[in-house]
Amino acid sequence: MTAPRKETLADGVEIWLGDCRDALPLIGRVDAVVTDPPYGIADIWSKGSEKHGWGKSNSQMGLRNGWDESIPSQETFDLLFSASKTQIIWGGNYFHLPPSRCWLVWNKPERGFSLAEAELAWTSIDAVVRVIDAARSETGREHPTQKPLSVMAFSVSKTKGLVCDPFMGSGTTGVACVNLGRSFIGIERELKYFDIARRRITEALSRPRLPFDEPVKPKQESLL
């Protein structure tokens, strides 16, 4: 297996090409993990009517189902917990995670649609449930399950310090961090999406934005 490769896009912003299980031990401990891993629902995800906006989703069905066959292993989740102080994990209702008082809810305006009318994020935060209203998808989506930027910015805003997304995908969490002036580390194993994430985050860096937090250097600690 190829060793993870790091690219620094700006002071406080870096992305890694590789599997998060290999990259996280090299990165060290971060302040927060904000991520949207595969939900493992490929076997129940099927085509829908084109007239209900399924065109792009249908065309990406094979691609999506290729990597959404199973959820991350318990060992992977244990690694995320060991590598961070705070965790926000979208799709938390699909995973075996501890009880939480603070769930984040993405409420979608469409009703009666064949997909979920809301999505849930499990968090390790000791606070009350919070809800964001946002459309089901955004124009120009480049990943089959790409979250709206507003949803990931909402998530990042619930954390402090250096944010890591171990399942970076097309880089929406990174764009949200750049826009909010937050330091970011992203990890993605698929070259296609790594390249898309690099482009999107670089474009965000070129636009007017909040000044960055003082870059936080990860502290290497034992993951055992």
Protein backbone atom coordinates (compact mmCIF):
# COMPACT_ATOMS: atom_id res chain seq x y z
CA MET A 1 0.00 0.00 0.00
CA THR A 2 1.28 3.48 -0.90
CA ALA A 3 2.26 5.65 2.05
CA PRO A 4 0.08 8.75 2.68
CA ARG A 5 1.25 11.90 0.92
CA LYS A 6 0.82 15.40 2.37
CA GLU A 7 0.28 18.67 0.51
CA THR A 8 0.32 22.03 2.28
CA LEU A 9 -2.08 24.47 0.61
CA ALA A 10 -1.56 27.36 3.03
CA ASP A 11 -0.33 28.04 6.54
CA GLY A 12 -2.72 25.98 8.65
CA VAL A 13 -4.27 24.07 5.73
CA GLU A 14 -3.02 20.67 4.59
CA ILE A 15 -4.48 17.69 2.77
CA TRP A 16 -3.33 14.08 2.72
CA LEU A 17 -3.77 11.52 -0.05
CA GLY A 18 -4.15 8.12 1.57
CA ASP A 19 -6.19 6.01 3.95
CA CYS A 20 -7.05 7.76 7.21
CA ARG A 21 -5.95 4.67 9.15
CA ASP A 22 -2.45 5.22 7.83
CA ALA A 23 -2.43 9.03 7.89
CA LEU A 24 -3.86 9.79 11.34
CA PRO A 25 -0.96 8.22 13.27
CA LEU A 26 1.41 10.43 11.24
CA ILE A 27 -0.62 13.58 11.86
CA GLY A 28 -0.99 13.26 15.61
CA ARG A 29 -3.73 14.57 17.89
CA VAL A 30 -6.08 17.31 16.63
CA ASP A 31 -8.75 19.39 18.33
CA ALA A 32 -11.77 18.16 16.40
CA VAL A 33 -12.82 15.59 13.85
CA VAL A 34 -15.70 16.76 11.64
CA THR A 35 -16.52 14.16 9.01
CA ASP A 36 -19.11 12.39 6.86
CA PRO A 37 -18.02 8.75 6.41
CA PRO A 38 -19.70 6.14 4.19
CA TYR A 39 -23.04 5.06 5.69
CA GLY A 40 -22.90 1.51 4.32
CA ILE A 41 -26.28 1.77 2.61
CA ALA A 42 -25.38 0.79 -0.96
CA ASP A 43 -27.62 -2.27 -0.80
CA ILE A 44 -30.73 -0.18 -0.10
CA TRP A 45 -29.91 2.74 -2.41
CA SER A 46 -31.68 2.47 -5.77
CA LYS A 47 -32.72 4.55 -8.73
CA GLY A 48 -35.53 7.08 -8.55
CA SER A 49 -37.73 8.92 -10.99
CA GLU A 50 -35.88 11.41 -13.21
CA LYS A 51 -38.77 13.86 -12.82
CA HIS A 52 -38.08 14.07 -9.09
CA GLY A 53 -34.51 15.27 -9.53
CA TRP A 54 -32.76 11.91 -9.55
CA GLY A 55 -30.83 12.49 -12.80
CA LYS A 56 -27.40 13.16 -11.26
CA SER A 57 -27.92 10.67 -8.45
CA ASN A 58 -28.86 7.92 -10.89
CA SER A 59 -25.82 8.60 -13.05
CA GLN A 60 -23.55 8.33 -10.01
CA MET A 61 -25.18 5.21 -8.58
CA GLY A 62 -22.40 2.79 -9.58
CA LEU A 63 -19.70 5.14 -8.34
CA ARG A 64 -21.42 5.72 -5.02
CA ASN A 65 -22.23 2.08 -4.39
CA GLY A 66 -18.62 1.13 -5.09
CA TRP A 67 -17.40 2.73 -1.84
CA ASP A 68 -20.60 2.81 0.24
CA GLU A 69 -20.91 -0.94 0.71
CA SER A 70 -19.82 -0.94 4.35
CA ILE A 71 -19.32 1.38 7.28
CA PRO A 72 -15.89 2.16 8.77
CA SER A 73 -14.64 -0.50 11.17
CA GLN A 74 -14.86 -0.09 14.93
CA GLU A 75 -11.06 0.15 14.93
CA THR A 76 -11.33 3.15 12.61
CA PHE A 77 -13.79 4.89 14.92
CA ASP A 78 -11.55 4.12 17.90
CA LEU A 79 -8.70 5.77 16.00
CA LEU A 80 -10.81 8.89 15.37
CA PHE A 81 -11.63 9.14 19.07
CA SER A 82 -7.99 8.64 20.11
CA ALA A 83 -6.77 11.25 17.61
CA SER A 84 -9.13 14.08 18.62
CA LYS A 85 -10.71 15.87 21.56
CA THR A 86 -14.10 16.44 19.92
CA GLN A 87 -15.94 14.48 17.23
CA ILE A 88 -18.84 15.29 14.92
CA ILE A 89 -19.75 12.32 12.73
CA TRP A 90 -22.52 12.63 10.15
CA GLY A 91 -24.59 9.51 9.62
CA GLY A 92 -24.16 8.69 13.30
CA ASN A 93 -27.46 6.82 13.37
CA TYR A 94 -25.90 4.18 11.08
CA PHE A 95 -22.94 3.48 13.37
CA HIS A 96 -22.36 1.84 16.75
CA LEU A 97 -21.47 4.92 18.78
CA PRO A 98 -21.95 5.83 22.48
CA PRO A 99 -25.08 7.67 23.65
CA SER A 100 -24.95 11.41 23.01
CA ARG A 101 -26.92 14.33 24.37
CA CYS A 102 -25.99 16.60 21.45
CA TRP A 103 -27.01 15.52 17.97
CA LEU A 104 -26.89 17.84 14.97
CA VAL A 105 -29.86 17.62 12.61
CA TRP A 106 -29.85 18.64 8.95
CA ASN A 107 -33.51 19.28 8.13
CA LYS A 108 -34.30 19.14 4.40
CA PRO A 109 -37.29 21.14 3.05
CA GLU A 110 -38.53 18.39 0.70
CA ARG A 111 -41.25 16.10 2.07
CA GLY A 112 -42.41 12.78 0.70
CA PHE A 113 -39.12 12.37 -1.20
CA SER A 114 -37.75 8.84 -1.41
CA LEU A 115 -34.53 9.77 0.41
CA ALA A 116 -34.32 10.81 4.06
CA GLU A 117 -36.05 14.07 5.05
CA ALA A 118 -33.25 14.77 7.55
CA GLU A 119 -29.77 13.55 8.41
CA LEU A 120 -28.18 13.19 11.82
CA ALA A 121 -24.69 13.81 13.14
CA TRP A 122 -23.51 12.16 16.33
CA THR A 123 -21.30 14.38 18.49
CA SER A 124 -19.18 13.99 21.61
CA ILE A 125 -20.29 17.45 22.72
CA ASP A 126 -22.18 17.86 26.00
CA ALA A 127 -24.87 20.24 24.78
CA VAL A 128 -28.42 20.28 23.44
CA VAL A 129 -29.60 19.12 20.01
CA ARG A 130 -29.15 21.71 17.25
CA VAL A 131 -30.87 21.90 13.84
CA ILE A 132 -29.98 23.51 10.51
CA ASP A 133 -32.39 23.91 7.59
CA ALA A 134 -30.71 23.43 4.20
CA ALA A 135 -31.71 22.21 0.74
CA ARG A 136 -31.09 18.57 -0.20
CA SER A 137 -28.20 19.40 -2.54
CA GLU A 138 -26.31 22.31 -4.07
CA THR A 139 -25.72 23.27 -7.70
CA GLY A 140 -22.42 21.93 -8.98
CA ARG A 141 -22.17 19.01 -6.58
CA GLU A 142 -19.04 16.96 -7.38
CA HIS A 143 -19.43 14.02 -5.01
CA PRO A 144 -22.43 11.65 -4.85
CA THR A 145 -23.05 12.39 -1.16
CA GLN A 146 -21.62 15.91 -0.95
CA LYS A 147 -23.11 17.87 1.96
CA PRO A 148 -24.16 21.51 1.44
CA LEU A 149 -21.44 23.94 2.47
CA SER A 150 -23.79 25.53 5.00
CA VAL A 151 -24.23 22.17 6.78
CA MET A 152 -20.50 21.62 7.15
CA ALA A 153 -19.90 25.23 8.21
CA PHE A 154 -22.63 24.74 10.84
CA SER A 155 -20.79 21.63 12.03
CA VAL A 156 -17.37 23.28 12.15
CA SER A 157 -18.82 26.21 14.12
CA LYS A 158 -19.66 23.80 16.97
CA THR A 159 -15.95 23.03 17.48
CA LYS A 160 -12.76 24.85 18.37
CA GLY A 161 -9.19 24.71 17.11
CA LEU A 162 -7.72 22.51 14.40
CA VAL A 163 -10.31 20.50 12.43
CA CYS A 164 -9.56 17.21 10.70
CA ASP A 165 -11.82 15.46 8.18
CA PRO A 166 -10.55 11.86 7.75
CA PHE A 167 -13.13 11.20 4.97
CA MET A 168 -12.59 14.47 3.11
CA GLY A 169 -14.33 13.56 -0.17
CA SER A 170 -14.65 16.66 -2.33
CA GLY A 171 -13.39 18.94 0.45
CA THR A 172 -16.52 20.69 1.72
CA THR A 173 -15.34 20.60 5.34
CA GLY A 174 -12.07 22.17 4.23
CA VAL A 175 -13.84 24.94 2.32
CA ALA A 176 -15.99 25.63 5.40
CA CYS A 177 -12.87 25.84 7.59
CA VAL A 178 -11.14 28.22 5.18
CA ASN A 179 -14.22 30.46 5.05
CA LEU A 180 -14.39 30.50 8.86
CA GLY A 181 -10.66 31.11 9.34
CA ARG A 182 -10.09 27.68 10.88
CA SER A 183 -7.04 25.48 10.50
CA PHE A 184 -7.77 22.26 8.60
CA ILE A 185 -6.33 18.84 7.81
CA GLY A 186 -8.15 16.66 5.28
CA ILE A 187 -7.55 13.02 4.35
CA GLU A 188 -8.90 11.33 1.20
CA ARG A 189 -7.86 8.01 -0.32
CA GLU A 190 -9.49 8.42 -3.77
CA LEU A 191 -7.27 10.48 -6.09
CA LYS A 192 -10.23 11.83 -8.06
CA TYR A 193 -11.81 13.40 -4.99
CA PHE A 194 -8.47 14.43 -3.52
CA ASP A 195 -7.87 16.49 -6.68
CA ILE A 196 -11.36 18.00 -6.50
CA ALA A 197 -10.86 18.85 -2.82
CA ARG A 198 -7.50 20.47 -3.56
CA ARG A 199 -9.07 22.65 -6.25
CA ARG A 200 -12.09 23.67 -4.17
CA ILE A 201 -10.04 24.50 -1.07
CA THR A 202 -7.46 26.39 -3.14
CA GLU A 203 -10.27 28.42 -4.73
CA ALA A 204 -11.65 29.20 -1.26
CA LEU A 205 -8.20 30.33 -0.14
CA SER A 206 -8.07 32.79 -3.05
CA ARG A 207 -11.28 34.53 -1.98
CA PRO A 208 -11.67 37.15 0.77
CA ARG A 209 -12.16 35.34 4.08
CA LEU A 210 -11.73 35.58 7.82
CA PRO A 211 -8.12 35.59 9.05
CA PHE A 212 -6.89 32.16 10.11
CA ASP A 213 -6.61 31.08 13.68
CA GLU A 214 -3.00 30.82 14.67
CA PRO A 215 -1.97 27.56 12.95
CA VAL A 216 -2.14 24.68 15.39
CA LYS A 217 0.60 22.06 15.21
CA PRO A 218 -0.75 18.58 15.89
CA LYS A 219 0.71 17.01 19.01
CA GLN A 220 1.98 13.50 18.47
CA GLU A 221 0.58 11.27 21.19
CA SER A 222 0.16 7.56 21.66
CA LEU A 223 -3.01 6.25 20.03
CA LEU A 224 -3.16 3.27 22.33
